[in-house]
Structures are given as structure tokens and as C-alpha cells.
Amino acid sequence: RGVSSSQMIRKLVAKGFVKEAGRSEMLGRPIL
């Protein structure tokens, strides 16, 4: 996107359109 998406992802999770799907194998093991 070229911009921070943390707020948008939080909104989409709250609306039930997006969910956590585990952790990535990348450094820091970020949420998928």
C-alpha cells in the first residue's frame, strides 16, 4: 500500500472480514 495499514487491519478484524491466521516464519514471527 505504501502506507501503514495497522488501523485498517484492526477495523477489518473488528468487522469480521479479516482474521489472524497464525505466525509467519519471518524474523519476529509477525501475525499472518
PDB file of all heavy atoms in Angstrom:
ATOM      1  N   ARG A   1       0.819  -1.218   0.000  1.00  0.00           N
ATOM      2  CA  ARG A   1       0.000   0.000   0.000  1.00  0.00           C
ATOM      3  C   ARG A   1       0.847   1.260   0.000  1.00  0.00           C
ATOM      4  O   ARG A   1       0.406   2.305  -0.460  1.00  0.00           O
ATOM      5  CB  ARG A   1      -0.917   0.038   1.228  1.00  0.00           C
ATOM      6  CG  ARG A   1      -2.083  -0.902   1.159  1.00  0.00           C
ATOM      7  CD  ARG A   1      -3.080  -0.632   2.268  1.00  0.00           C
ATOM      8  NE  ARG A   1      -3.734   0.643   2.066  1.00  0.00           N
ATOM      9  CZ  ARG A   1      -4.031   1.491   3.053  1.00  0.00           C
ATOM     10  NH1 ARG A   1      -3.739   1.201   4.283  1.00  0.00           N
ATOM     11  NH2 ARG A   1      -4.622   2.632   2.791  1.00  0.00           N
ATOM     12  N   GLY A   2       2.031   1.180   0.601  1.00  0.00           N
ATOM     13  CA  GLY A   2       2.886   2.358   0.701  1.00  0.00           C
ATOM     14  C   GLY A   2       2.586   3.212   1.915  1.00  0.00           C
ATOM     15  O   GLY A   2       3.171   4.282   2.075  1.00  0.00           O
ATOM     16  N   VAL A   3       1.667   2.766   2.759  1.00  0.00           N
ATOM     17  CA  VAL A   3       1.325   3.472   3.999  1.00  0.00           C
ATOM     18  C   VAL A   3       1.037   2.444   5.088  1.00  0.00           C
ATOM     19  O   VAL A   3       0.810   1.272   4.795  1.00  0.00           O
ATOM     20  CB  VAL A   3       0.085   4.394   3.840  1.00  0.00           C
ATOM     21  CG1 VAL A   3       0.349   5.526   2.877  1.00  0.00           C
ATOM     22  CG2 VAL A   3      -1.129   3.614   3.403  1.00  0.00           C
ATOM     23  N   SER A   4       1.008   2.900   6.330  1.00  0.00           N
ATOM     24  CA  SER A   4       0.716   1.999   7.440  1.00  0.00           C
ATOM     25  C   SER A   4      -0.725   1.494   7.354  1.00  0.00           C
ATOM     26  O   SER A   4      -1.646   2.257   7.083  1.00  0.00           O
ATOM     27  CB  SER A   4       0.915   2.721   8.774  1.00  0.00           C
ATOM     28  OG  SER A   4       0.532   1.881   9.842  1.00  0.00           O
ATOM     29  N   SER A   5      -0.897   0.201   7.588  1.00  0.00           N
ATOM     30  CA  SER A   5      -2.219  -0.418   7.481  1.00  0.00           C
ATOM     31  C   SER A   5      -2.722  -0.974   8.800  1.00  0.00           C
ATOM     32  O   SER A   5      -3.749  -1.645   8.829  1.00  0.00           O
ATOM     33  CB  SER A   5      -2.165  -1.555   6.451  1.00  0.00           C
ATOM     34  OG  SER A   5      -1.727  -1.075   5.218  1.00  0.00           O
ATOM     35  N   SER A   6      -2.021  -0.711   9.889  1.00  0.00           N
ATOM     36  CA  SER A   6      -2.395  -1.345  11.159  1.00  0.00           C
ATOM     37  C   SER A   6      -3.813  -0.959  11.582  1.00  0.00           C
ATOM     38  O   SER A   6      -4.577  -1.823  12.023  1.00  0.00           O
ATOM     39  CB  SER A   6      -1.386  -1.010  12.259  1.00  0.00           C
ATOM     40  OG  SER A   6      -1.280   0.366  12.449  1.00  0.00           O
ATOM     41  N   GLN A   7      -4.178   0.307  11.427  1.00  0.00           N
ATOM     42  CA  GLN A   7      -5.528   0.730  11.813  1.00  0.00           C
ATOM     43  C   GLN A   7      -6.581   0.079  10.917  1.00  0.00           C
ATOM     44  O   GLN A   7      -7.619  -0.378  11.392  1.00  0.00           O
ATOM     45  CB  GLN A   7      -5.640   2.248  11.760  1.00  0.00           C
ATOM     46  CG  GLN A   7      -6.961   2.757  12.279  1.00  0.00           C
ATOM     47  CD  GLN A   7      -7.039   4.276  12.273  1.00  0.00           C
ATOM     48  OE1 GLN A   7      -6.131   4.962  11.867  1.00  0.00           O
ATOM     49  NE2 GLN A   7      -8.163   4.797  12.717  1.00  0.00           N
ATOM     50  N   MET A   8      -6.315   0.022   9.615  1.00  0.00           N
ATOM     51  CA  MET A   8      -7.269  -0.595   8.691  1.00  0.00           C
ATOM     52  C   MET A   8      -7.439  -2.076   8.996  1.00  0.00           C
ATOM     53  O   MET A   8      -8.555  -2.590   8.978  1.00  0.00           O
ATOM     54  CB  MET A   8      -6.778  -0.452   7.240  1.00  0.00           C
ATOM     55  CG  MET A   8      -7.101   0.850   6.593  1.00  0.00           C
ATOM     56  SD  MET A   8      -8.852   1.193   6.618  1.00  0.00           S
ATOM     57  CE  MET A   8      -8.827   2.770   7.395  1.00  0.00           C
ATOM     58  N   ILE A   9      -6.346  -2.750   9.272  1.00  0.00           N
ATOM     59  CA  ILE A   9      -6.434  -4.180   9.574  1.00  0.00           C
ATOM     60  C   ILE A   9      -7.224  -4.396  10.858  1.00  0.00           C
ATOM     61  O   ILE A   9      -8.066  -5.283  10.928  1.00  0.00           O
ATOM     62  CB  ILE A   9      -5.030  -4.821   9.644  1.00  0.00           C
ATOM     63  CG1 ILE A   9      -4.426  -4.852   8.231  1.00  0.00           C
ATOM     64  CG2 ILE A   9      -5.091  -6.223  10.232  1.00  0.00           C
ATOM     65  CD1 ILE A   9      -2.992  -5.330   8.151  1.00  0.00           C
ATOM     66  N   ARG A  10      -6.996  -3.545  11.869  1.00  0.00           N
ATOM     67  CA  ARG A  10      -7.780  -3.643  13.111  1.00  0.00           C
ATOM     68  C   ARG A  10      -9.271  -3.484  12.831  1.00  0.00           C
ATOM     69  O   ARG A  10     -10.097  -4.214  13.367  1.00  0.00           O
ATOM     70  CB  ARG A  10      -7.320  -2.593  14.125  1.00  0.00           C
ATOM     71  CG  ARG A  10      -6.129  -3.017  14.949  1.00  0.00           C
ATOM     72  CD  ARG A  10      -5.946  -2.131  16.174  1.00  0.00           C
ATOM     73  NE  ARG A  10      -5.789  -0.732  15.854  1.00  0.00           N
ATOM     74  CZ  ARG A  10      -4.621  -0.135  15.643  1.00  0.00           C
ATOM     75  NH1 ARG A  10      -3.505  -0.814  15.696  1.00  0.00           N
ATOM     76  NH2 ARG A  10      -4.557   1.151  15.368  1.00  0.00           N
ATOM     77  N   LYS A  11      -9.625  -2.516  11.978  1.00  0.00           N
ATOM     78  CA  LYS A  11     -11.034  -2.302  11.638  1.00  0.00           C
ATOM     79  C   LYS A  11     -11.613  -3.507  10.909  1.00  0.00           C
ATOM     80  O   LYS A  11     -12.740  -3.924  11.171  1.00  0.00           O
ATOM     81  CB  LYS A  11     -11.193  -1.044  10.771  1.00  0.00           C
ATOM     82  CG  LYS A  11     -11.070   0.240  11.534  1.00  0.00           C
ATOM     83  CD  LYS A  11     -11.286   1.430  10.624  1.00  0.00           C
ATOM     84  CE  LYS A  11     -11.160   2.723  11.392  1.00  0.00           C
ATOM     85  NZ  LYS A  11     -11.377   3.898  10.548  1.00  0.00           N
ATOM     86  N   LEU A  12     -10.835  -4.061   9.982  1.00  0.00           N
ATOM     87  CA  LEU A  12     -11.315  -5.219   9.220  1.00  0.00           C
ATOM     88  C   LEU A  12     -11.461  -6.452  10.110  1.00  0.00           C
ATOM     89  O   LEU A  12     -12.385  -7.236   9.922  1.00  0.00           O
ATOM     90  CB  LEU A  12     -10.381  -5.497   8.045  1.00  0.00           C
ATOM     91  CG  LEU A  12     -10.384  -4.422   6.946  1.00  0.00           C
ATOM     92  CD1 LEU A  12      -9.240  -4.655   5.958  1.00  0.00           C
ATOM     93  CD2 LEU A  12     -11.722  -4.374   6.221  1.00  0.00           C
ATOM     94  N   VAL A  13     -10.573  -6.600  11.083  1.00  0.00           N
ATOM     95  CA  VAL A  13     -10.702  -7.697  12.050  1.00  0.00           C
ATOM     96  C   VAL A  13     -11.957  -7.476  12.889  1.00  0.00           C
ATOM     97  O   VAL A  13     -12.748  -8.401  13.098  1.00  0.00           O
ATOM     98  CB  VAL A  13      -9.441  -7.804  12.949  1.00  0.00           C
ATOM     99  CG1 VAL A  13      -9.691  -8.724  14.136  1.00  0.00           C
ATOM    100  CG2 VAL A  13      -8.252  -8.300  12.143  1.00  0.00           C
ATOM    101  N   ALA A  14     -12.175  -6.239  13.345  1.00  0.00           N
ATOM    102  CA  ALA A  14     -13.353  -5.921  14.165  1.00  0.00           C
ATOM    103  C   ALA A  14     -14.653  -6.154  13.395  1.00  0.00           C
ATOM    104  O   ALA A  14     -15.647  -6.593  13.968  1.00  0.00           O
ATOM    105  CB  ALA A  14     -13.285  -4.473  14.648  1.00  0.00           C
ATOM    106  N   LYS A  15     -14.637  -5.886  12.091  1.00  0.00           N
ATOM    107  CA  LYS A  15     -15.831  -6.104  11.268  1.00  0.00           C
ATOM    108  C   LYS A  15     -16.016  -7.579  10.909  1.00  0.00           C
ATOM    109  O   LYS A  15     -17.048  -7.970  10.384  1.00  0.00           O
ATOM    110  CB  LYS A  15     -15.759  -5.272   9.986  1.00  0.00           C
ATOM    111  CG  LYS A  15     -15.981  -3.789  10.207  1.00  0.00           C
ATOM    112  CD  LYS A  15     -15.920  -3.047   8.892  1.00  0.00           C
ATOM    113  CE  LYS A  15     -16.108  -1.562   9.064  1.00  0.00           C
ATOM    114  NZ  LYS A  15     -17.472  -1.172   9.387  1.00  0.00           N
ATOM    115  N   GLY A  16     -15.000  -8.391  11.170  1.00  0.00           N
ATOM    116  CA  GLY A  16     -15.105  -9.821  10.905  1.00  0.00           C
ATOM    117  C   GLY A  16     -14.709 -10.226   9.495  1.00  0.00           C
ATOM    118  O   GLY A  16     -14.913 -11.363   9.091  1.00  0.00           O
ATOM    119  N   PHE A  17     -14.108  -9.305   8.722  1.00  0.00           N
ATOM    120  CA  PHE A  17     -13.702  -9.610   7.352  1.00  0.00           C
ATOM    121  C   PHE A  17     -12.311 -10.247   7.275  1.00  0.00           C
ATOM    122  O   PHE A  17     -11.965 -10.886   6.296  1.00  0.00           O
ATOM    123  CB  PHE A  17     -13.710  -8.358   6.476  1.00  0.00           C
ATOM    124  CG  PHE A  17     -15.088  -7.813   6.229  1.00  0.00           C
ATOM    125  CD1 PHE A  17     -15.314  -6.453   6.148  1.00  0.00           C
ATOM    126  CD2 PHE A  17     -16.177  -8.661   6.071  1.00  0.00           C
ATOM    127  CE1 PHE A  17     -16.581  -5.947   5.914  1.00  0.00           C
ATOM    128  CE2 PHE A  17     -17.450  -8.167   5.834  1.00  0.00           C
ATOM    129  CZ  PHE A  17     -17.649  -6.810   5.763  1.00  0.00           C
ATOM    130  N   VAL A  18     -11.499 -10.011   8.295  1.00  0.00           N
ATOM    131  CA  VAL A  18     -10.123 -10.495   8.333  1.00  0.00           C
ATOM    132  C   VAL A  18      -9.883 -11.133   9.692  1.00  0.00           C
ATOM    133  O   VAL A  18     -10.460 -10.702  10.691  1.00  0.00           O
ATOM    134  CB  VAL A  18      -9.133  -9.319   8.099  1.00  0.00           C
ATOM    135  CG1 VAL A  18      -7.701  -9.731   8.333  1.00  0.00           C
ATOM    136  CG2 VAL A  18      -9.301  -8.750   6.698  1.00  0.00           C
ATOM    137  N   LYS A  19      -9.034 -12.167   9.713  1.00  0.00           N
ATOM    138  CA  LYS A  19      -8.701 -12.826  10.981  1.00  0.00           C
ATOM    139  C   LYS A  19      -7.219 -13.181  10.995  1.00  0.00           C
ATOM    140  O   LYS A  19      -6.566 -13.227   9.950  1.00  0.00           O
ATOM    141  CB  LYS A  19      -9.539 -14.081  11.173  1.00  0.00           C
ATOM    142  CG  LYS A  19      -9.226 -15.184  10.173  1.00  0.00           C
ATOM    143  CD  LYS A  19     -10.062 -16.412  10.410  1.00  0.00           C
ATOM    144  CE  LYS A  19      -9.715 -17.485   9.366  1.00  0.00           C
ATOM    145  NZ  LYS A  19     -10.504 -18.690   9.532  1.00  0.00           N
ATOM    146  N   GLU A  20      -6.722 -13.419  12.200  1.00  0.00           N
ATOM    147  CA  GLU A  20      -5.352 -13.880  12.349  1.00  0.00           C
ATOM    148  C   GLU A  20      -5.287 -15.328  11.875  1.00  0.00           C
ATOM    149  O   GLU A  20      -6.174 -16.119  12.167  1.00  0.00           O
ATOM    150  CB  GLU A  20      -4.904 -13.782  13.801  1.00  0.00           C
ATOM    151  CG  GLU A  20      -4.742 -12.346  14.275  1.00  0.00           C
ATOM    152  CD  GLU A  20      -4.218 -12.239  15.698  1.00  0.00           C
ATOM    153  OE1 GLU A  20      -3.727 -13.254  16.251  1.00  0.00           O
ATOM    154  OE2 GLU A  20      -4.294 -11.134  16.251  1.00  0.00           O
ATOM    155  N   ALA A  21      -4.209 -15.650  11.153  1.00  0.00           N
ATOM    156  CA  ALA A  21      -4.068 -16.990  10.587  1.00  0.00           C
ATOM    157  C   ALA A  21      -2.732 -17.604  10.980  1.00  0.00           C
ATOM    158  O   ALA A  21      -2.092 -18.276  10.187  1.00  0.00           O
ATOM    159  CB  ALA A  21      -4.200 -16.917   9.074  1.00  0.00           C
ATOM    160  N   GLY A  22      -2.291 -17.332  12.189  1.00  0.00           N
ATOM    161  CA  GLY A  22      -1.030 -17.883  12.660  1.00  0.00           C
ATOM    162  C   GLY A  22       0.091 -16.872  12.608  1.00  0.00           C
ATOM    163  O   GLY A  22      -0.143 -15.670  12.536  1.00  0.00           O
ATOM    164  N   ARG A  23       1.317 -17.400  12.634  1.00  0.00           N
ATOM    165  CA  ARG A  23       2.509 -16.556  12.645  1.00  0.00           C
ATOM    166  C   ARG A  23       3.409 -16.891  11.461  1.00  0.00           C
ATOM    167  O   ARG A  23       3.536 -18.045  11.080  1.00  0.00           O
ATOM    168  CB  ARG A  23       3.305 -16.777  13.935  1.00  0.00           C
ATOM    169  CG  ARG A  23       2.574 -16.362  15.188  1.00  0.00           C
ATOM    170  CD  ARG A  23       2.887 -14.960  15.489  1.00  0.00           C
ATOM    171  NE  ARG A  23       2.212 -14.514  16.713  1.00  0.00           N
ATOM    172  CZ  ARG A  23       2.361 -13.299  17.173  1.00  0.00           C
ATOM    173  NH1 ARG A  23       3.132 -12.443  16.543  1.00  0.00           N
ATOM    174  NH2 ARG A  23       1.731 -12.916  18.251  1.00  0.00           N
ATOM    175  N   SER A  24       4.032 -15.876  10.899  1.00  0.00           N
ATOM    176  CA  SER A  24       4.971 -16.052   9.807  1.00  0.00           C
ATOM    177  C   SER A  24       6.285 -16.616  10.345  1.00  0.00           C
ATOM    178  O   SER A  24       6.590 -16.464  11.519  1.00  0.00           O
ATOM    179  CB  SER A  24       5.223 -14.703   9.134  1.00  0.00           C
ATOM    180  OG  SER A  24       6.297 -14.784   8.234  1.00  0.00           O
ATOM    181  N   GLU A  25       7.062 -17.226   9.474  1.00  0.00           N
ATOM    182  CA  GLU A  25       8.391 -17.719   9.841  1.00  0.00           C
ATOM    183  C   GLU A  25       9.430 -16.601   9.740  1.00  0.00           C
ATOM    184  O   GLU A  25      10.596 -16.810  10.049  1.00  0.00           O
ATOM    185  CB  GLU A  25       8.789 -18.897   8.946  1.00  0.00           C
ATOM    186  CG  GLU A  25       7.923 -20.131   9.131  1.00  0.00           C
ATOM    187  CD  GLU A  25       7.940 -20.667  10.555  1.00  0.00           C
ATOM    188  OE1 GLU A  25       9.024 -20.724  11.165  1.00  0.00           O
ATOM    189  OE2 GLU A  25       6.858 -21.016  11.063  1.00  0.00           O
ATOM    190  N   MET A  26       9.011 -15.404   9.314  1.00  0.00           N
ATOM    191  CA  MET A  26       9.930 -14.273   9.183  1.00  0.00           C
ATOM    192  C   MET A  26      10.456 -13.870  10.553  1.00  0.00           C
ATOM    193  O   MET A  26       9.882 -14.234  11.577  1.00  0.00           O
ATOM    194  CB  MET A  26       9.218 -13.074   8.529  1.00  0.00           C
ATOM    195  CG  MET A  26       8.856 -13.312   7.100  1.00  0.00           C
ATOM    196  SD  MET A  26       7.866 -12.023   6.267  1.00  0.00           S
ATOM    197  CE  MET A  26       7.892 -10.620   7.297  1.00  0.00           C
ATOM    198  N   LEU A  27      11.526 -13.086  10.564  1.00  0.00           N
ATOM    199  CA  LEU A  27      12.125 -12.596  11.793  1.00  0.00           C
ATOM    200  C   LEU A  27      11.080 -11.870  12.634  1.00  0.00           C
ATOM    201  O   LEU A  27      10.343 -11.024  12.134  1.00  0.00           O
ATOM    202  CB  LEU A  27      13.281 -11.644  11.458  1.00  0.00           C
ATOM    203  CG  LEU A  27      14.100 -11.145  12.624  1.00  0.00           C
ATOM    204  CD1 LEU A  27      14.830 -12.314  13.293  1.00  0.00           C
ATOM    205  CD2 LEU A  27      15.107 -10.117  12.154  1.00  0.00           C
ATOM    206  N   GLY A  28      10.983 -12.205  13.901  1.00  0.00           N
ATOM    207  CA  GLY A  28       9.992 -11.598  14.782  1.00  0.00           C
ATOM    208  C   GLY A  28       8.664 -12.318  14.777  1.00  0.00           C
ATOM    209  O   GLY A  28       7.769 -11.987  15.540  1.00  0.00           O
ATOM    210  N   ARG A  29       8.501 -13.278  13.875  1.00  0.00           N
ATOM    211  CA  ARG A  29       7.276 -14.073  13.747  1.00  0.00           C
ATOM    212  C   ARG A  29       6.009 -13.203  13.773  1.00  0.00           C
ATOM    213  O   ARG A  29       5.152 -13.343  14.630  1.00  0.00           O
ATOM    214  CB  ARG A  29       7.230 -15.140  14.825  1.00  0.00           C
ATOM    215  CG  ARG A  29       8.437 -16.060  14.720  1.00  0.00           C
ATOM    216  CD  ARG A  29       8.355 -17.420  15.308  1.00  0.00           C
ATOM    217  NE  ARG A  29       7.095 -18.056  15.507  1.00  0.00           N
ATOM    218  CZ  ARG A  29       6.498 -18.871  14.641  1.00  0.00           C
ATOM    219  NH1 ARG A  29       7.042 -19.121  13.486  1.00  0.00           N
ATOM    220  NH2 ARG A  29       5.363 -19.447  14.928  1.00  0.00           N
ATOM    221  N   PRO A  30       5.878 -12.292  12.781  1.00  0.00           N
ATOM    222  CA  PRO A  30       4.692 -11.427  12.745  1.00  0.00           C
ATOM    223  C   PRO A  30       3.412 -12.220  12.463  1.00  0.00           C
ATOM    224  O   PRO A  30       3.454 -13.314  11.901  1.00  0.00           O
ATOM    225  CB  PRO A  30       4.991 -10.446  11.611  1.00  0.00           C
ATOM    226  CG  PRO A  30       5.966 -11.159  10.744  1.00  0.00           C
ATOM    227  CD  PRO A  30       6.771 -12.050  11.646  1.00  0.00           C
ATOM    228  N   ILE A  31       2.298 -11.629  12.831  1.00  0.00           N
ATOM    229  CA  ILE A  31       0.982 -12.244  12.641  1.00  0.00           C
ATOM    230  C   ILE A  31       0.647 -12.286  11.149  1.00  0.00           C
ATOM    231  O   ILE A  31       0.887 -11.327  10.419  1.00  0.00           O
ATOM    232  CB  ILE A  31      -0.101 -11.445  13.394  1.00  0.00           C
ATOM    233  CG1 ILE A  31       0.174 -11.468  14.888  1.00  0.00           C
ATOM    234  CG2 ILE A  31      -1.491 -11.978  13.084  1.00  0.00           C
ATOM    235  CD1 ILE A  31      -0.685 -10.496  15.688  1.00  0.00           C
ATOM    236  N   LEU A  32       0.085 -13.400  10.719  1.00  0.00           N
ATOM    237  CA  LEU A  32      -0.421 -13.546   9.355  1.00  0.00           C
ATOM    238  C   LEU A  32      -1.923 -13.269   9.363  1.00  0.00           C
ATOM    239  O   LEU A  32      -2.615 -13.641  10.315  1.00  0.00           O
ATOM    240  CB  LEU A  32      -0.170 -14.962   8.842  1.00  0.00           C
ATOM    241  CG  LEU A  32       1.275 -15.333   8.536  1.00  0.00           C
ATOM    242  CD1 LEU A  32       1.412 -16.832   8.351  1.00  0.00           C
ATOM    243  CD2 LEU A  32       1.769 -14.592   7.296  1.00  0.00           C
TER     244      LEU A  32
END
